[in-house]
Amino acid sequence: MKIAEVDTTENTLLIGFPSNGLVGTFSISYLIHHLKMKQIGEIEVPDLPLTLFVEGGEILAPIRVYNKNNIFIIISDVPFNQYLAEGFALAVHEFCKNNAIKKVMMVSGMETINQQKDAPQIYGLVTHSTLDSVLYNNQIPKFLDGSIFGTDAAIMSVFRKTKIPALVLYAECHPFFPDPEAAIIAIVTLAKILGIKVDTQDIQNRIEKLRIQHRKLMEETLRTLQQQQQGTETRAPQIYK
């Protein structure tokens, strides 16, 4: 498989947030840990209820920024309703302007009714034609028909109006349960695009543990996604780790 080479002089931003199957949460969290990235800041979203959590005695914000070399990551541990999603997208764009980000990539889950044991498929969607070559060179089929909503749509809507191209990877996943298998596909695909080496054996060994560990976050994400579809406002999101 041909792998697109990434210009190491270009700053690239990866974005992860709770969505279908928690694909973005699993895959981006794994990359942060695997690449030993350092937290360099936090992102504030207007009207987001004040929420903190504690890990190993350290107080952490729900939306954090990590960096290693030319790769930046913004990860959120809270799902966004339709109103907060726009604020998050605008905050991400502001970060990109302030940090000379040249392209944005995010990972999300695509609901599928296919319950076969076949490996999940992954599709790509870009805001600018300049990123079409990334899909082509890495043999990623383009997402051709359908609709997107919520945080995915908010981010794509903001960036399609700017000069910063954005790409979203949609991995087929179970809509109602955490789906680490789909996250593995996303991790491998991101690694190919970025030209980095990753070992997914750890996440494969912990699939059942991850499902149990993130069950409550999946429940909260499902409520948020359902209310986004219905066009109603959700209650303040909770945070789980």
C-alpha atoms as a PDB file:
ATOM      1  CA  MET A   1       0.000   0.000   0.000  1.00  0.00           C
ATOM      2  CA  LYS A   2       1.373   3.387  -0.953  1.00  0.00           C
ATOM      3  CA  ILE A   3       1.644   5.817   1.926  1.00  0.00           C
ATOM      4  CA  ALA A   4       1.380   9.559   1.459  1.00  0.00           C
ATOM      5  CA  GLU A   5       4.405  11.370   2.825  1.00  0.00           C
ATOM      6  CA  VAL A   6       3.721  14.121   5.293  1.00  0.00           C
ATOM      7  CA  ASP A   7       5.685  17.353   5.113  1.00  0.00           C
ATOM      8  CA  THR A   8       7.365  17.433   8.526  1.00  0.00           C
ATOM      9  CA  THR A   9       7.554  21.217   8.353  1.00  0.00           C
ATOM     10  CA  GLU A  10       3.764  21.430   8.343  1.00  0.00           C
ATOM     11  CA  ASN A  11       1.892  21.557  11.625  1.00  0.00           C
ATOM     12  CA  THR A  12      -0.943  19.028  11.626  1.00  0.00           C
ATOM     13  CA  LEU A  13      -3.823  19.002  14.108  1.00  0.00           C
ATOM     14  CA  LEU A  14      -5.684  15.826  15.094  1.00  0.00           C
ATOM     15  CA  ILE A  15      -9.044  16.141  16.826  1.00  0.00           C
ATOM     16  CA  GLY A  16     -10.810  13.554  18.953  1.00  0.00           C
ATOM     17  CA  PHE A  17     -14.172  13.766  20.733  1.00  0.00           C
ATOM     18  CA  PRO A  18     -16.918  11.352  21.836  1.00  0.00           C
ATOM     19  CA  SER A  19     -19.063  10.186  18.913  1.00  0.00           C
ATOM     20  CA  ASN A  20     -20.506   6.941  17.542  1.00  0.00           C
ATOM     21  CA  GLY A  21     -18.671   3.979  19.045  1.00  0.00           C
ATOM     22  CA  LEU A  22     -16.295   6.353  20.852  1.00  0.00           C
ATOM     23  CA  VAL A  23     -13.988   5.862  17.874  1.00  0.00           C
ATOM     24  CA  GLY A  24     -12.432   9.309  18.171  1.00  0.00           C
ATOM     25  CA  THR A  25     -11.958   8.962  21.928  1.00  0.00           C
ATOM     26  CA  PHE A  26     -10.242   5.562  21.665  1.00  0.00           C
ATOM     27  CA  SER A  27      -8.005   6.305  18.693  1.00  0.00           C
ATOM     28  CA  ILE A  28      -6.789   9.772  19.669  1.00  0.00           C
ATOM     29  CA  SER A  29      -6.262   8.782  23.320  1.00  0.00           C
ATOM     30  CA  TYR A  30      -4.176   5.856  22.128  1.00  0.00           C
ATOM     31  CA  LEU A  31      -1.993   8.073  19.948  1.00  0.00           C
ATOM     32  CA  ILE A  32      -1.402  10.509  22.816  1.00  0.00           C
ATOM     33  CA  HIS A  33      -0.235   7.649  25.033  1.00  0.00           C
ATOM     34  CA  HIS A  34       1.715   5.761  22.377  1.00  0.00           C
ATOM     35  CA  LEU A  35       3.587   8.821  21.101  1.00  0.00           C
ATOM     36  CA  LYS A  36       4.213  10.070  24.659  1.00  0.00           C
ATOM     37  CA  MET A  37       2.833  13.472  23.766  1.00  0.00           C
ATOM     38  CA  LYS A  38       2.997  16.314  26.260  1.00  0.00           C
ATOM     39  CA  GLN A  39       0.034  18.414  27.294  1.00  0.00           C
ATOM     40  CA  ILE A  40       0.680  22.026  26.338  1.00  0.00           C
ATOM     41  CA  GLY A  41      -2.644  23.705  27.025  1.00  0.00           C
ATOM     42  CA  GLU A  42      -6.409  23.643  27.308  1.00  0.00           C
ATOM     43  CA  ILE A  43      -9.306  24.766  25.142  1.00  0.00           C
ATOM     44  CA  GLU A  44     -12.165  26.794  26.567  1.00  0.00           C
ATOM     45  CA  VAL A  45     -15.617  26.644  25.002  1.00  0.00           C
ATOM     46  CA  PRO A  46     -18.176  29.338  25.857  1.00  0.00           C
ATOM     47  CA  ASP A  47     -21.118  28.072  27.945  1.00  0.00           C
ATOM     48  CA  LEU A  48     -19.497  24.691  28.599  1.00  0.00           C
ATOM     49  CA  PRO A  49     -20.325  23.833  32.230  1.00  0.00           C
ATOM     50  CA  LEU A  50     -17.290  23.964  34.472  1.00  0.00           C
ATOM     51  CA  THR A  51     -16.047  20.386  34.691  1.00  0.00           C
ATOM     52  CA  LEU A  52     -12.773  18.927  35.905  1.00  0.00           C
ATOM     53  CA  PHE A  53     -11.573  15.431  36.629  1.00  0.00           C
ATOM     54  CA  VAL A  54      -8.668  14.042  38.574  1.00  0.00           C
ATOM     55  CA  GLU A  55      -6.179  11.470  37.287  1.00  0.00           C
ATOM     56  CA  GLY A  56      -3.323  10.322  39.474  1.00  0.00           C
ATOM     57  CA  GLY A  57      -3.843  13.296  41.766  1.00  0.00           C
ATOM     58  CA  GLU A  58      -3.604  15.751  38.854  1.00  0.00           C
ATOM     59  CA  ILE A  59      -6.488  18.058  37.942  1.00  0.00           C
ATOM     60  CA  LEU A  60      -7.250  17.967  34.220  1.00  0.00           C
ATOM     61  CA  ALA A  61      -9.550  20.027  32.033  1.00  0.00           C
ATOM     62  CA  PRO A  62     -12.097  18.251  29.803  1.00  0.00           C
ATOM     63  CA  ILE A  63     -10.616  19.673  26.567  1.00  0.00           C
ATOM     64  CA  ARG A  64      -6.844  19.470  26.339  1.00  0.00           C
ATOM     65  CA  VAL A  65      -4.076  20.171  23.824  1.00  0.00           C
ATOM     66  CA  TYR A  66      -1.075  17.900  23.278  1.00  0.00           C
ATOM     67  CA  ASN A  67       1.998  18.196  21.082  1.00  0.00           C
ATOM     68  CA  LYS A  68       5.001  16.298  19.789  1.00  0.00           C
ATOM     69  CA  ASN A  69       7.124  17.697  16.983  1.00  0.00           C
ATOM     70  CA  ASN A  70       4.769  18.949  14.250  1.00  0.00           C
ATOM     71  CA  ILE A  71       1.739  16.965  15.462  1.00  0.00           C
ATOM     72  CA  PHE A  72      -0.813  18.669  17.683  1.00  0.00           C
ATOM     73  CA  ILE A  73      -3.863  17.038  19.252  1.00  0.00           C
ATOM     74  CA  ILE A  74      -7.044  18.493  20.705  1.00  0.00           C
ATOM     75  CA  ILE A  75      -9.076  15.916  22.606  1.00  0.00           C
ATOM     76  CA  SER A  76     -12.363  16.371  24.404  1.00  0.00           C
ATOM     77  CA  ASP A  77     -13.644  13.998  27.064  1.00  0.00           C
ATOM     78  CA  VAL A  78     -17.140  15.463  26.926  1.00  0.00           C
ATOM     79  CA  PRO A  79     -19.711  15.156  24.127  1.00  0.00           C
ATOM     80  CA  PHE A  80     -21.087  18.412  22.711  1.00  0.00           C
ATOM     81  CA  ASN A  81     -24.697  19.279  22.050  1.00  0.00           C
ATOM     82  CA  GLN A  82     -25.553  21.206  18.871  1.00  0.00           C
ATOM     83  CA  TYR A  83     -24.942  24.574  20.528  1.00  0.00           C
ATOM     84  CA  LEU A  84     -21.639  23.746  22.215  1.00  0.00           C
ATOM     85  CA  ALA A  85     -20.388  22.013  19.049  1.00  0.00           C
ATOM     86  CA  GLU A  86     -20.266  25.304  17.163  1.00  0.00           C
ATOM     87  CA  GLY A  87     -18.343  26.972  19.980  1.00  0.00           C
ATOM     88  CA  PHE A  88     -15.895  24.083  20.037  1.00  0.00           C
ATOM     89  CA  ALA A  89     -15.375  24.290  16.267  1.00  0.00           C
ATOM     90  CA  LEU A  90     -14.695  28.031  16.449  1.00  0.00           C
ATOM     91  CA  ALA A  91     -12.248  27.511  19.335  1.00  0.00           C
ATOM     92  CA  VAL A  92     -10.413  24.869  17.294  1.00  0.00           C
ATOM     93  CA  HIS A  93     -10.177  27.241  14.334  1.00  0.00           C
ATOM     94  CA  GLU A  94      -8.784  29.988  16.552  1.00  0.00           C
ATOM     95  CA  PHE A  95      -6.158  27.562  17.851  1.00  0.00           C
ATOM     96  CA  CYS A  96      -5.198  26.692  14.276  1.00  0.00           C
ATOM     97  CA  LYS A  97      -4.710  30.342  13.349  1.00  0.00           C
ATOM     98  CA  ASN A  98      -2.571  30.980  16.421  1.00  0.00           C
ATOM     99  CA  ASN A  99      -0.372  27.920  15.896  1.00  0.00           C
ATOM    100  CA  ALA A 100       0.199  27.910  12.129  1.00  0.00           C
ATOM    101  CA  ILE A 101      -1.751  24.678  11.609  1.00  0.00           C
ATOM    102  CA  LYS A 102      -1.725  23.722   7.926  1.00  0.00           C
ATOM    103  CA  LYS A 103      -4.223  20.851   7.973  1.00  0.00           C
ATOM    104  CA  VAL A 104      -6.725  19.277  10.319  1.00  0.00           C
ATOM    105  CA  MET A 105      -7.739  15.633  10.660  1.00  0.00           C
ATOM    106  CA  MET A 106     -10.404  14.191  12.915  1.00  0.00           C
ATOM    107  CA  VAL A 107     -11.729  10.714  13.586  1.00  0.00           C
ATOM    108  CA  SER A 108     -15.339   9.753  14.085  1.00  0.00           C
ATOM    109  CA  GLY A 109     -17.613   6.736  13.937  1.00  0.00           C
ATOM    110  CA  MET A 110     -20.067   5.888  11.183  1.00  0.00           C
ATOM    111  CA  GLU A 111     -23.097   3.945  12.304  1.00  0.00           C
ATOM    112  CA  THR A 112     -23.454   0.654  10.470  1.00  0.00           C
ATOM    113  CA  ILE A 113     -26.048  -2.080  10.569  1.00  0.00           C
ATOM    114  CA  ASN A 114     -23.492  -4.599   9.332  1.00  0.00           C
ATOM    115  CA  GLN A 115     -23.056  -7.055  12.186  1.00  0.00           C
ATOM    116  CA  GLN A 116     -20.687  -9.367  10.298  1.00  0.00           C
ATOM    117  CA  LYS A 117     -17.257 -10.231  11.676  1.00  0.00           C
ATOM    118  CA  ASP A 118     -15.532  -8.525   8.768  1.00  0.00           C
ATOM    119  CA  ALA A 119     -13.114  -5.729   9.633  1.00  0.00           C
ATOM    120  CA  PRO A 120     -14.782  -2.304   9.775  1.00  0.00           C
ATOM    121  CA  GLN A 121     -14.337  -0.107   6.721  1.00  0.00           C
ATOM    122  CA  ILE A 122     -13.104   3.483   6.860  1.00  0.00           C
ATOM    123  CA  TYR A 123     -14.082   6.391   4.639  1.00  0.00           C
ATOM    124  CA  GLY A 124     -12.797   9.928   4.222  1.00  0.00           C
ATOM    125  CA  LEU A 125     -14.359  13.320   3.622  1.00  0.00           C
ATOM    126  CA  VAL A 126     -12.402  16.506   2.909  1.00  0.00           C
ATOM    127  CA  THR A 127     -13.249  20.189   2.911  1.00  0.00           C
ATOM    128  CA  HIS A 128     -10.662  21.111   0.272  1.00  0.00           C
ATOM    129  CA  SER A 129      -9.559  19.239  -2.839  1.00  0.00           C
ATOM    130  CA  THR A 130      -5.932  19.632  -1.751  1.00  0.00           C
ATOM    131  CA  LEU A 131      -6.485  16.704   0.626  1.00  0.00           C
ATOM    132  CA  ASP A 132      -7.982  14.398  -2.002  1.00  0.00           C
ATOM    133  CA  SER A 133      -4.480  13.045  -2.643  1.00  0.00           C
ATOM    134  CA  VAL A 134      -4.257  11.887   0.976  1.00  0.00           C
ATOM    135  CA  LEU A 135      -7.323   9.706   0.450  1.00  0.00           C
ATOM    136  CA  TYR A 136      -6.132   8.456  -2.926  1.00  0.00           C
ATOM    137  CA  ASN A 137      -2.546   7.670  -1.918  1.00  0.00           C
ATOM    138  CA  ASN A 138      -3.702   5.776   1.171  1.00  0.00           C
ATOM    139  CA  GLN A 139      -6.517   3.937  -0.632  1.00  0.00           C
ATOM    140  CA  ILE A 140      -9.229   5.445   1.551  1.00  0.00           C
ATOM    141  CA  PRO A 141     -12.640   5.461  -0.170  1.00  0.00           C
ATOM    142  CA  LYS A 142     -14.393   8.813  -0.168  1.00  0.00           C
ATOM    143  CA  PHE A 143     -17.629   9.226   1.770  1.00  0.00           C
ATOM    144  CA  LEU A 144     -19.946   9.876  -1.171  1.00  0.00           C
ATOM    145  CA  ASP A 145     -23.549  10.086   0.041  1.00  0.00           C
ATOM    146  CA  GLY A 146     -25.324  10.748   3.312  1.00  0.00           C
ATOM    147  CA  SER A 147     -25.520  13.446   5.945  1.00  0.00           C
ATOM    148  CA  ILE A 148     -23.467  14.495   8.946  1.00  0.00           C
ATOM    149  CA  PHE A 149     -24.520  16.434  12.009  1.00  0.00           C
ATOM    150  CA  GLY A 150     -23.331  17.510  15.432  1.00  0.00           C
ATOM    151  CA  THR A 151     -19.660  18.132  16.201  1.00  0.00           C
ATOM    152  CA  ASP A 152     -18.482  16.610  12.912  1.00  0.00           C
ATOM    153  CA  ALA A 153     -20.677  18.948  10.905  1.00  0.00           C
ATOM    154  CA  ALA A 154     -19.770  21.967  13.040  1.00  0.00           C
ATOM    155  CA  ILE A 155     -16.038  21.504  12.468  1.00  0.00           C
ATOM    156  CA  MET A 156     -16.393  20.785   8.757  1.00  0.00           C
ATOM    157  CA  SER A 157     -18.721  23.769   8.328  1.00  0.00           C
ATOM    158  CA  VAL A 158     -16.208  26.123   9.930  1.00  0.00           C
ATOM    159  CA  PHE A 159     -13.127  24.878   8.057  1.00  0.00           C
ATOM    160  CA  ARG A 160     -14.701  24.609   4.609  1.00  0.00           C
ATOM    161  CA  LYS A 161     -14.970  28.414   4.740  1.00  0.00           C
ATOM    162  CA  THR A 162     -11.288  28.886   5.605  1.00  0.00           C
ATOM    163  CA  LYS A 163      -7.949  28.272   3.922  1.00  0.00           C
ATOM    164  CA  ILE A 164      -7.118  25.441   6.330  1.00  0.00           C
ATOM    165  CA  PRO A 165      -8.158  22.076   4.843  1.00  0.00           C
ATOM    166  CA  ALA A 166      -9.795  19.493   7.062  1.00  0.00           C
ATOM    167  CA  LEU A 167     -10.248  15.744   6.684  1.00  0.00           C
ATOM    168  CA  VAL A 168     -12.537  13.479   8.676  1.00  0.00           C
ATOM    169  CA  LEU A 169     -12.085   9.714   8.825  1.00  0.00           C
ATOM    170  CA  TYR A 170     -15.302   7.778   9.392  1.00  0.00           C
ATOM    171  CA  ALA A 171     -14.844   4.241  10.689  1.00  0.00           C
ATOM    172  CA  GLU A 172     -17.794   1.864  10.556  1.00  0.00           C
ATOM    173  CA  CYS A 173     -18.773   1.059  14.111  1.00  0.00           C
ATOM    174  CA  HIS A 174     -21.465  -0.252  16.399  1.00  0.00           C
ATOM    175  CA  PRO A 175     -23.808   2.680  17.095  1.00  0.00           C
ATOM    176  CA  PHE A 176     -24.750   1.732  20.660  1.00  0.00           C
ATOM    177  CA  PHE A 177     -21.580   0.382  22.262  1.00  0.00           C
ATOM    178  CA  PRO A 178     -17.924   1.427  22.494  1.00  0.00           C
ATOM    179  CA  ASP A 179     -16.161  -0.061  19.474  1.00  0.00           C
ATOM    180  CA  PRO A 180     -12.390  -0.372  19.948  1.00  0.00           C
ATOM    181  CA  GLU A 181     -12.153  -2.562  16.829  1.00  0.00           C
ATOM    182  CA  ALA A 182     -13.229   0.406  14.724  1.00  0.00           C
ATOM    183  CA  ALA A 183     -10.716   2.564  16.594  1.00  0.00           C
ATOM    184  CA  ILE A 184      -7.935   0.146  15.629  1.00  0.00           C
ATOM    185  CA  ILE A 185      -8.756   0.705  11.951  1.00  0.00           C
ATOM    186  CA  ALA A 186      -8.686   4.461  12.547  1.00  0.00           C
ATOM    187  CA  ILE A 187      -5.338   4.247  14.375  1.00  0.00           C
ATOM    188  CA  VAL A 188      -3.722   2.244  11.601  1.00  0.00           C
ATOM    189  CA  THR A 189      -5.074   4.619   8.962  1.00  0.00           C
ATOM    190  CA  LEU A 190      -3.872   7.725  10.790  1.00  0.00           C
ATOM    191  CA  ALA A 191      -0.455   6.142  11.265  1.00  0.00           C
ATOM    192  CA  LYS A 192      -0.155   5.530   7.527  1.00  0.00           C
ATOM    193  CA  ILE A 193      -1.156   9.092   6.716  1.00  0.00           C
ATOM    194  CA  LEU A 194       1.232  10.591   9.253  1.00  0.00           C
ATOM    195  CA  GLY A 195       4.073   8.201   8.537  1.00  0.00           C
ATOM    196  CA  ILE A 196       4.409   7.087  12.149  1.00  0.00           C
ATOM    197  CA  LYS A 197       4.790   3.637  13.672  1.00  0.00           C
ATOM    198  CA  VAL A 198       2.151   2.401  16.095  1.00  0.00           C
ATOM    199  CA  ASP A 199       1.581  -0.881  17.859  1.00  0.00           C
ATOM    200  CA  THR A 200      -2.106  -1.640  18.256  1.00  0.00           C
ATOM    201  CA  GLN A 201      -1.519  -4.884  20.169  1.00  0.00           C
ATOM    202  CA  ASP A 202      -2.123  -3.121  23.467  1.00  0.00           C
ATOM    203  CA  ILE A 203      -5.525  -1.818  22.454  1.00  0.00           C
ATOM    204  CA  GLN A 204      -6.425  -5.210  20.955  1.00  0.00           C
ATOM    205  CA  ASN A 205      -5.633  -6.908  24.267  1.00  0.00           C
ATOM    206  CA  ARG A 206      -7.789  -4.419  26.167  1.00  0.00           C
ATOM    207  CA  ILE A 207     -10.903  -4.391  23.976  1.00  0.00           C
ATOM    208  CA  GLU A 208     -13.286  -5.817  26.559  1.00  0.00           C
ATOM    209  CA  LYS A 209     -11.817  -3.666  29.337  1.00  0.00           C
ATOM    210  CA  LEU A 210     -12.243  -0.555  27.217  1.00  0.00           C
ATOM    211  CA  ARG A 211     -15.865  -1.419  26.496  1.00  0.00           C
ATOM    212  CA  ILE A 212     -16.633  -1.662  30.203  1.00  0.00           C
ATOM    213  CA  GLN A 213     -14.474   1.303  31.185  1.00  0.00           C
ATOM    214  CA  HIS A 214     -16.181   3.672  28.756  1.00  0.00           C
ATOM    215  CA  ARG A 215     -19.754   2.398  29.046  1.00  0.00           C
ATOM    216  CA  LYS A 216     -20.989   5.478  30.907  1.00  0.00           C
ATOM    217  CA  LEU A 217     -19.353   7.860  28.452  1.00  0.00           C
ATOM    218  CA  MET A 218     -21.017   5.917  25.625  1.00  0.00           C
ATOM    219  CA  GLU A 219     -24.405   6.336  27.307  1.00  0.00           C
ATOM    220  CA  GLU A 220     -23.858  10.072  27.669  1.00  0.00           C
ATOM    221  CA  THR A 221     -22.677  10.333  24.060  1.00  0.00           C
ATOM    222  CA  LEU A 222     -25.732   8.454  22.807  1.00  0.00           C
ATOM    223  CA  ARG A 223     -28.045  10.858  24.622  1.00  0.00           C
ATOM    224  CA  THR A 224     -26.206  13.805  23.116  1.00  0.00           C
ATOM    225  CA  LEU A 225     -26.265  12.363  19.581  1.00  0.00           C
ATOM    226  CA  GLN A 226     -29.967  11.565  19.826  1.00  0.00           C
ATOM    227  CA  GLN A 227     -30.771  15.077  20.970  1.00  0.00           C
ATOM    228  CA  GLN A 228     -28.653  16.530  18.181  1.00  0.00           C
ATOM    229  CA  GLN A 229     -30.715  14.589  15.678  1.00  0.00           C
ATOM    230  CA  GLN A 230     -33.920  15.774  17.294  1.00  0.00           C
ATOM    231  CA  GLY A 231     -32.725  19.374  17.392  1.00  0.00           C
ATOM    232  CA  THR A 232     -33.231  19.653  21.143  1.00  0.00           C
ATOM    233  CA  GLU A 233     -30.863  20.942  23.757  1.00  0.00           C
ATOM    234  CA  THR A 234     -29.134  18.407  25.951  1.00  0.00           C
ATOM    235  CA  ARG A 235     -28.357  18.697  29.625  1.00  0.00           C
ATOM    236  CA  ALA A 236     -24.881  19.578  30.815  1.00  0.00           C
ATOM    237  CA  PRO A 237     -22.512  16.783  29.745  1.00  0.00           C
ATOM    238  CA  GLN A 238     -20.763  14.697  32.373  1.00  0.00           C
ATOM    239  CA  ILE A 239     -17.187  13.596  32.145  1.00  0.00           C
ATOM    240  CA  TYR A 240     -15.889  10.076  32.462  1.00  0.00           C
ATOM    241  CA  LYS A 241     -12.446   8.586  32.214  1.00  0.00           C
END
